[in-house]
């Protein structure tokens, strides 16, 4: 797969306790990205954050650490990311998605 140098970065901010069809939402999003043929996806777990409800979620306070922030990042062509986001939108009940231009410097699999 070749990524255009002028690609886009999709970030989906959710909580690690969010679910879809009984499995973690971030896991489902990554599997859907793979099934959709996107270039790749990475899940990052945050140490602290807040969202639309303004509730602080932090690993410092045990009772609040059960819903830490999660960010799913995916880089690909804008059209592919927009189509993907349209397809998964209904599964994301809370969170935010952003998209920004990303300049791809390389995309390598390590295989020769």
N, C-alpha and C. Protein backbone atom coordinates (compact mmCIF):
# COMPACT_ATOMS: atom_id res chain seq x y z
N UNK A 1 0.85 -1.18 0.00
CA UNK A 1 0.00 0.00 0.00
C UNK A 1 0.89 1.24 0.00
N UNK A 2 0.49 2.21 -0.75
CA UNK A 2 1.20 3.49 -0.81
C UNK A 2 0.29 4.57 -0.25
N UNK A 3 0.84 5.35 0.66
CA UNK A 3 0.09 6.49 1.21
C UNK A 3 0.53 7.75 0.49
N UNK A 4 -0.41 8.60 0.13
CA UNK A 4 -0.01 9.88 -0.47
C UNK A 4 0.72 10.74 0.56
N UNK A 5 1.69 11.50 0.12
CA UNK A 5 2.43 12.37 1.04
C UNK A 5 1.49 13.30 1.78
N UNK A 6 0.52 13.83 1.07
CA UNK A 6 -0.50 14.69 1.71
C UNK A 6 -1.66 13.81 2.13
N UNK A 7 -1.59 13.28 3.33
CA UNK A 7 -2.64 12.43 3.89
C UNK A 7 -3.34 13.16 5.01
N UNK A 8 -4.15 12.44 5.75
CA UNK A 8 -4.87 13.01 6.89
C UNK A 8 -4.75 12.10 8.10
N UNK A 9 -4.84 12.71 9.27
CA UNK A 9 -4.80 11.99 10.53
C UNK A 9 -6.17 12.10 11.18
N UNK A 10 -6.79 10.95 11.39
CA UNK A 10 -8.07 10.88 12.10
C UNK A 10 -7.77 10.48 13.53
N UNK A 11 -8.28 11.25 14.46
CA UNK A 11 -8.16 10.93 15.89
C UNK A 11 -9.57 10.79 16.46
N UNK A 12 -9.78 9.69 17.15
CA UNK A 12 -11.06 9.44 17.80
C UNK A 12 -10.80 9.34 19.30
N UNK A 13 -11.37 10.26 20.05
CA UNK A 13 -11.19 10.33 21.50
C UNK A 13 -12.41 9.69 22.17
N UNK A 14 -12.17 8.62 22.92
CA UNK A 14 -13.24 7.91 23.61
C UNK A 14 -12.73 7.50 24.99
N UNK A 15 -13.51 6.74 25.73
CA UNK A 15 -13.09 6.22 27.03
C UNK A 15 -12.78 4.73 26.92
N UNK A 16 -11.88 4.24 27.75
CA UNK A 16 -11.53 2.83 27.64
C UNK A 16 -12.62 1.89 28.14
N UNK A 17 -13.65 2.42 28.79
CA UNK A 17 -14.77 1.57 29.20
C UNK A 17 -15.90 1.58 28.17
N UNK A 18 -15.79 2.38 27.11
CA UNK A 18 -16.82 2.40 26.06
C UNK A 18 -16.84 1.06 25.34
N UNK A 19 -18.04 0.58 25.04
CA UNK A 19 -18.21 -0.74 24.43
C UNK A 19 -19.04 -0.65 23.16
N UNK A 20 -18.84 -1.64 22.29
CA UNK A 20 -19.67 -1.84 21.11
C UNK A 20 -19.84 -3.34 20.93
N UNK A 21 -21.07 -3.80 20.97
CA UNK A 21 -21.38 -5.22 20.82
C UNK A 21 -20.58 -6.07 21.80
N UNK A 22 -20.43 -5.58 23.05
CA UNK A 22 -19.80 -6.35 24.10
C UNK A 22 -18.29 -6.31 24.16
N UNK A 23 -17.64 -5.65 23.21
CA UNK A 23 -16.17 -5.58 23.22
C UNK A 23 -15.74 -4.13 23.35
N UNK A 24 -14.50 -3.89 23.76
CA UNK A 24 -14.05 -2.50 23.87
C UNK A 24 -14.20 -1.77 22.54
N UNK A 25 -14.74 -0.55 22.61
CA UNK A 25 -14.98 0.23 21.40
C UNK A 25 -13.70 0.48 20.62
N UNK A 26 -12.59 0.79 21.32
CA UNK A 26 -11.34 1.05 20.62
C UNK A 26 -10.88 -0.19 19.84
N UNK A 27 -11.09 -1.37 20.40
CA UNK A 27 -10.74 -2.62 19.72
C UNK A 27 -11.59 -2.81 18.47
N UNK A 28 -12.88 -2.56 18.61
CA UNK A 28 -13.79 -2.69 17.47
C UNK A 28 -13.41 -1.70 16.36
N UNK A 29 -13.06 -0.47 16.73
CA UNK A 29 -12.67 0.54 15.74
C UNK A 29 -11.42 0.08 14.98
N UNK A 30 -10.42 -0.43 15.69
CA UNK A 30 -9.19 -0.90 15.04
C UNK A 30 -9.50 -2.05 14.08
N UNK A 31 -10.32 -2.99 14.51
CA UNK A 31 -10.66 -4.12 13.64
C UNK A 31 -11.45 -3.66 12.42
N UNK A 32 -12.32 -2.68 12.60
CA UNK A 32 -13.07 -2.13 11.46
C UNK A 32 -12.12 -1.38 10.50
N UNK A 33 -11.14 -0.68 11.05
CA UNK A 33 -10.16 0.01 10.21
C UNK A 33 -9.37 -0.99 9.37
N UNK A 34 -8.99 -2.07 9.98
CA UNK A 34 -8.26 -3.12 9.25
C UNK A 34 -9.13 -3.74 8.18
N UNK A 35 -10.38 -4.06 8.54
CA UNK A 35 -11.32 -4.64 7.58
C UNK A 35 -11.58 -3.69 6.42
N UNK A 36 -11.53 -2.39 6.70
CA UNK A 36 -11.78 -1.38 5.67
C UNK A 36 -10.56 -1.11 4.79
N UNK A 37 -9.44 -1.75 5.10
CA UNK A 37 -8.25 -1.58 4.28
C UNK A 37 -7.48 -0.29 4.54
N UNK A 38 -7.67 0.30 5.71
CA UNK A 38 -6.92 1.52 6.02
C UNK A 38 -5.47 1.16 6.31
N UNK A 39 -4.60 2.16 6.24
CA UNK A 39 -3.16 1.93 6.32
C UNK A 39 -2.71 1.38 7.68
N UNK A 40 -3.37 1.75 8.75
CA UNK A 40 -2.99 1.28 10.08
C UNK A 40 -3.71 2.08 11.14
N UNK A 41 -3.67 1.59 12.36
CA UNK A 41 -4.33 2.27 13.47
C UNK A 41 -3.51 2.03 14.73
N UNK A 42 -3.50 3.02 15.60
CA UNK A 42 -2.80 2.94 16.88
C UNK A 42 -3.75 3.41 17.97
N UNK A 43 -3.74 2.70 19.09
CA UNK A 43 -4.55 3.09 20.25
C UNK A 43 -3.61 3.59 21.33
N UNK A 44 -3.90 4.77 21.84
CA UNK A 44 -3.12 5.38 22.92
C UNK A 44 -4.02 5.55 24.14
N UNK A 45 -3.53 5.14 25.29
CA UNK A 45 -4.30 5.29 26.52
C UNK A 45 -3.76 6.46 27.31
N UNK A 46 -4.62 7.37 27.67
CA UNK A 46 -4.21 8.56 28.39
C UNK A 46 -4.16 8.35 29.89
N UNK A 47 -3.37 9.18 30.53
CA UNK A 47 -3.24 9.14 31.98
C UNK A 47 -4.30 10.01 32.67
N UNK A 48 -4.79 11.01 31.91
CA UNK A 48 -5.74 11.94 32.50
C UNK A 48 -6.45 12.68 31.38
N UNK A 49 -7.71 13.06 31.63
CA UNK A 49 -8.43 13.84 30.65
C UNK A 49 -9.84 14.14 31.09
N UNK A 50 -10.53 14.94 30.27
CA UNK A 50 -11.95 15.19 30.47
C UNK A 50 -12.56 15.47 29.11
N UNK A 51 -13.87 15.33 29.03
CA UNK A 51 -14.56 15.52 27.77
C UNK A 51 -15.78 16.39 27.94
N UNK A 52 -16.81 16.09 27.16
CA UNK A 52 -18.01 16.92 27.11
C UNK A 52 -18.71 17.05 28.46
N UNK A 53 -18.58 16.05 29.32
CA UNK A 53 -19.22 16.11 30.64
C UNK A 53 -18.37 16.86 31.67
N UNK A 54 -17.14 17.22 31.30
CA UNK A 54 -16.19 17.93 32.17
C UNK A 54 -15.80 17.16 33.42
N UNK A 55 -16.01 15.85 33.43
CA UNK A 55 -15.57 15.01 34.55
C UNK A 55 -14.11 14.62 34.32
N UNK A 56 -13.29 14.79 35.32
CA UNK A 56 -11.88 14.42 35.23
C UNK A 56 -11.76 12.90 35.37
N UNK A 57 -11.03 12.30 34.46
CA UNK A 57 -10.70 10.88 34.51
C UNK A 57 -9.19 10.81 34.66
N UNK A 58 -8.73 10.13 35.71
CA UNK A 58 -7.31 10.09 35.98
C UNK A 58 -6.91 8.76 36.60
N UNK A 59 -5.70 8.34 36.33
CA UNK A 59 -5.16 7.12 36.93
C UNK A 59 -4.77 7.35 38.38
N UNK A 60 -4.73 8.62 38.81
CA UNK A 60 -4.32 8.95 40.18
C UNK A 60 -5.38 8.60 41.21
N UNK A 61 -6.64 8.68 40.82
CA UNK A 61 -7.73 8.43 41.76
C UNK A 61 -8.38 7.11 41.36
N UNK A 62 -8.25 6.11 42.22
CA UNK A 62 -8.66 4.75 41.87
C UNK A 62 -10.10 4.66 41.38
N UNK A 63 -11.02 5.34 42.01
CA UNK A 63 -12.42 5.21 41.62
C UNK A 63 -12.71 5.84 40.27
N UNK A 64 -11.87 6.75 39.78
CA UNK A 64 -12.09 7.38 38.48
C UNK A 64 -11.26 6.74 37.37
N UNK A 65 -10.39 5.79 37.74
CA UNK A 65 -9.47 5.24 36.75
C UNK A 65 -10.09 4.15 35.89
N UNK A 66 -11.38 3.87 36.07
CA UNK A 66 -12.01 2.83 35.28
C UNK A 66 -12.53 3.33 33.94
N UNK A 67 -12.30 4.58 33.59
CA UNK A 67 -12.69 5.09 32.28
C UNK A 67 -11.66 6.10 31.80
N UNK A 68 -10.43 5.65 31.66
CA UNK A 68 -9.36 6.55 31.21
C UNK A 68 -9.54 6.90 29.75
N UNK A 69 -9.00 8.05 29.35
CA UNK A 69 -9.13 8.46 27.95
C UNK A 69 -8.36 7.52 27.02
N UNK A 70 -8.92 7.31 25.84
CA UNK A 70 -8.30 6.51 24.79
C UNK A 70 -8.38 7.31 23.50
N UNK A 71 -7.29 7.29 22.74
CA UNK A 71 -7.26 7.94 21.44
C UNK A 71 -6.90 6.89 20.40
N UNK A 72 -7.73 6.77 19.37
CA UNK A 72 -7.43 5.90 18.23
C UNK A 72 -6.97 6.82 17.11
N UNK A 73 -5.75 6.57 16.61
CA UNK A 73 -5.20 7.38 15.52
C UNK A 73 -5.06 6.54 14.26
N UNK A 74 -5.49 7.12 13.15
CA UNK A 74 -5.43 6.44 11.85
C UNK A 74 -4.99 7.46 10.81
N UNK A 75 -3.98 7.10 10.00
CA UNK A 75 -3.52 7.96 8.91
C UNK A 75 -3.85 7.29 7.59
N UNK A 76 -4.45 8.04 6.68
CA UNK A 76 -4.74 7.54 5.34
C UNK A 76 -5.22 8.72 4.49
N UNK A 77 -5.68 8.43 3.30
CA UNK A 77 -6.21 9.46 2.42
C UNK A 77 -7.51 10.01 3.02
N UNK A 78 -7.75 11.28 2.83
CA UNK A 78 -8.93 11.93 3.42
C UNK A 78 -10.23 11.23 3.05
N UNK A 79 -10.40 10.89 1.79
CA UNK A 79 -11.64 10.27 1.32
C UNK A 79 -11.89 8.93 2.03
N UNK A 80 -10.83 8.15 2.21
CA UNK A 80 -10.98 6.86 2.88
C UNK A 80 -11.34 7.05 4.35
N UNK A 81 -10.72 8.03 4.99
CA UNK A 81 -11.02 8.28 6.40
C UNK A 81 -12.44 8.80 6.59
N UNK A 82 -12.88 9.67 5.70
CA UNK A 82 -14.25 10.20 5.81
C UNK A 82 -15.28 9.08 5.63
N UNK A 83 -15.04 8.20 4.66
CA UNK A 83 -15.95 7.07 4.44
C UNK A 83 -15.95 6.15 5.66
N UNK A 84 -14.78 5.90 6.22
CA UNK A 84 -14.66 5.06 7.41
C UNK A 84 -15.42 5.67 8.58
N UNK A 85 -15.21 6.96 8.81
CA UNK A 85 -15.87 7.63 9.91
C UNK A 85 -17.39 7.61 9.75
N UNK A 86 -17.87 7.80 8.54
CA UNK A 86 -19.32 7.71 8.29
C UNK A 86 -19.85 6.33 8.67
N UNK A 87 -19.05 5.30 8.40
CA UNK A 87 -19.48 3.93 8.68
C UNK A 87 -19.50 3.56 10.15
N UNK A 88 -18.66 4.20 10.96
CA UNK A 88 -18.59 3.84 12.39
C UNK A 88 -19.28 4.85 13.30
N UNK A 89 -19.71 5.96 12.74
CA UNK A 89 -20.28 7.06 13.53
C UNK A 89 -21.36 6.59 14.50
N UNK A 90 -22.26 5.74 14.07
CA UNK A 90 -23.37 5.29 14.92
C UNK A 90 -22.94 4.49 16.14
N UNK A 91 -21.72 3.95 16.14
CA UNK A 91 -21.24 3.14 17.27
C UNK A 91 -20.59 3.98 18.35
N UNK A 92 -20.33 5.25 18.06
CA UNK A 92 -19.65 6.12 19.02
C UNK A 92 -20.68 7.05 19.65
N UNK A 93 -21.04 6.73 20.89
CA UNK A 93 -22.10 7.49 21.57
C UNK A 93 -21.57 8.68 22.35
N UNK A 94 -20.32 8.62 22.79
CA UNK A 94 -19.67 9.74 23.47
C UNK A 94 -18.25 9.85 22.96
N UNK A 95 -17.77 11.06 22.82
CA UNK A 95 -16.40 11.27 22.38
C UNK A 95 -16.32 12.37 21.35
N UNK A 96 -15.18 12.45 20.71
CA UNK A 96 -14.97 13.44 19.67
C UNK A 96 -14.03 12.85 18.62
N UNK A 97 -14.24 13.23 17.38
CA UNK A 97 -13.35 12.82 16.30
C UNK A 97 -12.82 14.09 15.63
N UNK A 98 -11.53 14.09 15.34
CA UNK A 98 -10.91 15.22 14.65
C UNK A 98 -10.15 14.69 13.45
N UNK A 99 -9.95 15.56 12.47
CA UNK A 99 -9.17 15.20 11.31
C UNK A 99 -8.31 16.39 10.93
N UNK A 100 -7.05 16.11 10.63
CA UNK A 100 -6.14 17.17 10.24
C UNK A 100 -5.18 16.66 9.18
N UNK A 101 -4.62 17.59 8.42
CA UNK A 101 -3.64 17.23 7.41
C UNK A 101 -2.41 16.64 8.07
N UNK A 102 -1.84 15.64 7.42
CA UNK A 102 -0.61 15.01 7.91
C UNK A 102 0.31 14.77 6.71
N UNK A 103 1.54 15.15 6.85
CA UNK A 103 2.51 14.93 5.80
C UNK A 103 3.23 13.61 6.08
N UNK A 104 3.02 12.62 5.21
CA UNK A 104 3.62 11.30 5.39
C UNK A 104 5.05 11.34 4.87
N UNK A 105 5.99 11.04 5.73
CA UNK A 105 7.41 11.02 5.35
C UNK A 105 7.83 9.64 4.88
N UNK A 106 7.29 8.59 5.50
CA UNK A 106 7.48 7.23 5.01
C UNK A 106 6.42 6.33 5.60
N UNK A 107 6.18 5.21 4.92
CA UNK A 107 5.23 4.19 5.35
C UNK A 107 5.83 2.87 4.92
N UNK A 108 6.41 2.16 5.87
CA UNK A 108 7.17 0.95 5.55
C UNK A 108 6.68 -0.23 6.37
N UNK A 109 6.73 -1.38 5.74
CA UNK A 109 6.34 -2.60 6.45
C UNK A 109 7.52 -3.37 6.99
N UNK A 110 8.73 -3.05 6.54
CA UNK A 110 9.91 -3.77 6.97
C UNK A 110 10.18 -4.99 6.11
N UNK A 111 9.22 -5.38 5.27
CA UNK A 111 9.40 -6.52 4.36
C UNK A 111 10.08 -6.05 3.09
N UNK A 112 10.90 -6.92 2.53
CA UNK A 112 11.59 -6.57 1.28
C UNK A 112 10.96 -7.20 0.08
